[in-house]
Protein backbone atom coordinates (compact mmCIF):
# COMPACT_ATOMS: atom_id res chain seq x y z
CA MET A 1 0.58 11.72 -5.15
CA PRO A 2 3.10 10.08 -7.51
CA GLU A 3 1.99 6.77 -8.96
CA ARG A 4 3.85 3.94 -10.66
CA ARG A 5 2.28 1.15 -12.61
CA THR A 6 4.01 -1.78 -14.23
CA ASP A 7 2.54 -4.66 -16.23
CA PHE A 8 4.52 -7.75 -17.14
CA THR A 9 3.97 -11.43 -17.78
CA VAL A 10 5.54 -14.25 -15.76
CA ASN A 11 5.86 -17.74 -17.22
CA ALA A 12 4.05 -19.41 -14.31
CA PRO A 13 0.43 -20.05 -13.37
CA PRO A 14 -1.34 -17.60 -11.02
CA TRP A 15 -1.08 -19.84 -7.95
CA GLU A 16 2.72 -20.06 -8.28
CA VAL A 17 3.02 -16.29 -8.71
CA TRP A 18 0.68 -15.81 -5.74
CA ALA A 19 2.89 -18.02 -3.54
CA PHE A 20 5.88 -15.84 -4.47
CA VAL A 21 3.99 -12.59 -3.77
CA ARG A 22 2.92 -13.89 -0.34
CA ASP A 23 6.49 -14.96 0.59
CA VAL A 24 7.77 -11.68 2.05
CA HIS A 25 11.44 -12.75 1.96
CA ALA A 26 11.27 -13.88 -1.69
CA LEU A 27 9.34 -10.79 -2.77
CA CYS A 28 11.63 -8.35 -0.95
CA SER A 29 14.70 -10.00 -2.48
CA CYS A 30 13.55 -8.42 -5.77
CA ILE A 31 13.20 -4.90 -4.38
CA PRO A 32 16.38 -2.81 -4.61
CA GLY A 33 17.50 -1.30 -1.32
CA VAL A 34 15.72 -3.68 1.04
CA GLU A 35 18.31 -4.52 3.69
CA ARG A 36 16.19 -6.16 6.41
CA VAL A 37 12.88 -8.02 6.47
CA GLU A 38 11.25 -9.08 9.72
CA PRO A 39 7.84 -10.72 9.45
CA LEU A 40 5.65 -9.90 12.48
CA ASP A 41 2.74 -12.13 11.48
CA ASP A 42 1.27 -13.51 8.23
CA ARG A 43 0.03 -10.03 7.18
CA THR A 44 2.61 -7.64 8.63
CA ALA A 45 6.37 -7.10 8.26
CA GLU A 46 8.95 -4.50 9.21
CA LEU A 47 11.47 -3.55 6.52
CA THR A 48 14.60 -1.46 6.43
CA VAL A 49 15.14 0.14 3.03
CA LYS A 50 18.23 2.12 2.02
CA GLU A 51 17.99 4.55 -0.89
CA LYS A 52 20.22 7.30 -2.19
CA ILE A 53 18.79 10.68 -3.05
CA GLY A 54 21.62 12.31 -4.96
CA VAL A 55 24.62 11.75 -2.70
CA VAL A 56 22.55 11.59 0.49
CA PRO A 57 21.78 8.10 1.83
CA LEU A 58 18.27 7.67 3.17
CA VAL A 59 17.36 4.79 5.46
CA LEU A 60 13.66 4.09 5.97
CA ALA A 61 12.08 1.87 8.60
CA LEU A 62 8.82 0.69 7.01
CA LYS A 63 5.95 -1.27 8.43
CA ALA A 64 3.99 -3.07 5.70
CA ARG A 65 0.57 -4.60 6.24
CA ILE A 66 -1.73 -6.51 3.90
CA ASP A 67 -5.14 -4.87 4.09
CA SER A 68 -7.01 -7.24 1.80
CA GLU A 69 -6.41 -10.16 -0.52
CA ASP A 70 -8.31 -12.43 -2.89
CA PRO A 71 -5.97 -15.35 -3.69
CA PRO A 72 -4.69 -15.73 -6.39
CA HIS A 73 -6.17 -12.59 -7.95
CA SER A 74 -5.43 -9.47 -5.92
CA LEU A 75 -3.67 -8.06 -2.91
CA ARG A 76 -3.70 -4.59 -1.34
CA ALA A 77 -1.06 -3.52 1.18
CA VAL A 78 0.04 -0.30 2.82
CA ALA A 79 3.61 0.45 3.89
CA THR A 80 4.24 3.35 6.24
CA ALA A 81 7.28 5.18 7.56
CA GLU A 82 7.70 8.57 9.15
CA HIS A 83 6.30 11.10 6.65
CA LEU A 84 5.61 8.40 4.03
CA THR A 85 2.72 6.14 3.07
CA MET A 86 2.83 3.76 0.10
CA GLU A 87 -0.22 1.94 -1.20
CA ILE A 88 0.54 -1.28 -3.04
CA ASP A 89 -2.02 -2.98 -5.27
CA VAL A 90 -1.22 -6.27 -7.01
CA ALA A 91 -3.55 -7.78 -9.61
CA LEU A 92 -2.81 -11.16 -11.21
CA HIS A 93 -4.52 -12.26 -14.42
CA GLU A 94 -4.06 -15.54 -16.26
CA SER A 95 -2.46 -14.83 -19.63
CA GLY A 96 -2.06 -17.90 -21.83
CA PRO A 97 0.38 -20.24 -20.08
CA GLY A 98 1.52 -17.48 -17.72
CA THR A 99 0.32 -14.72 -15.44
CA ARG A 100 0.14 -10.98 -16.14
């Protein structure tokens, strides 16, 4: 299964970054292709994501659910669509005046 990992530092304390990560509208505003976000409850949301594969547009209806969380340190979520499952793991670590 393909895997992507990205590390970066944000100039904010972990609790502020955590609040952003847990705000589904704010978080999804940073994800290219997200066209619709509908929270179902505090752990589940439905998303519509539009991507292009070559010249072919692909529209995915995703259901994302937080499986576990340890504020403000970690969060694990799973997003599913027909024929697709994405596992999302977020780990926040204090790094000087910011958060990595």
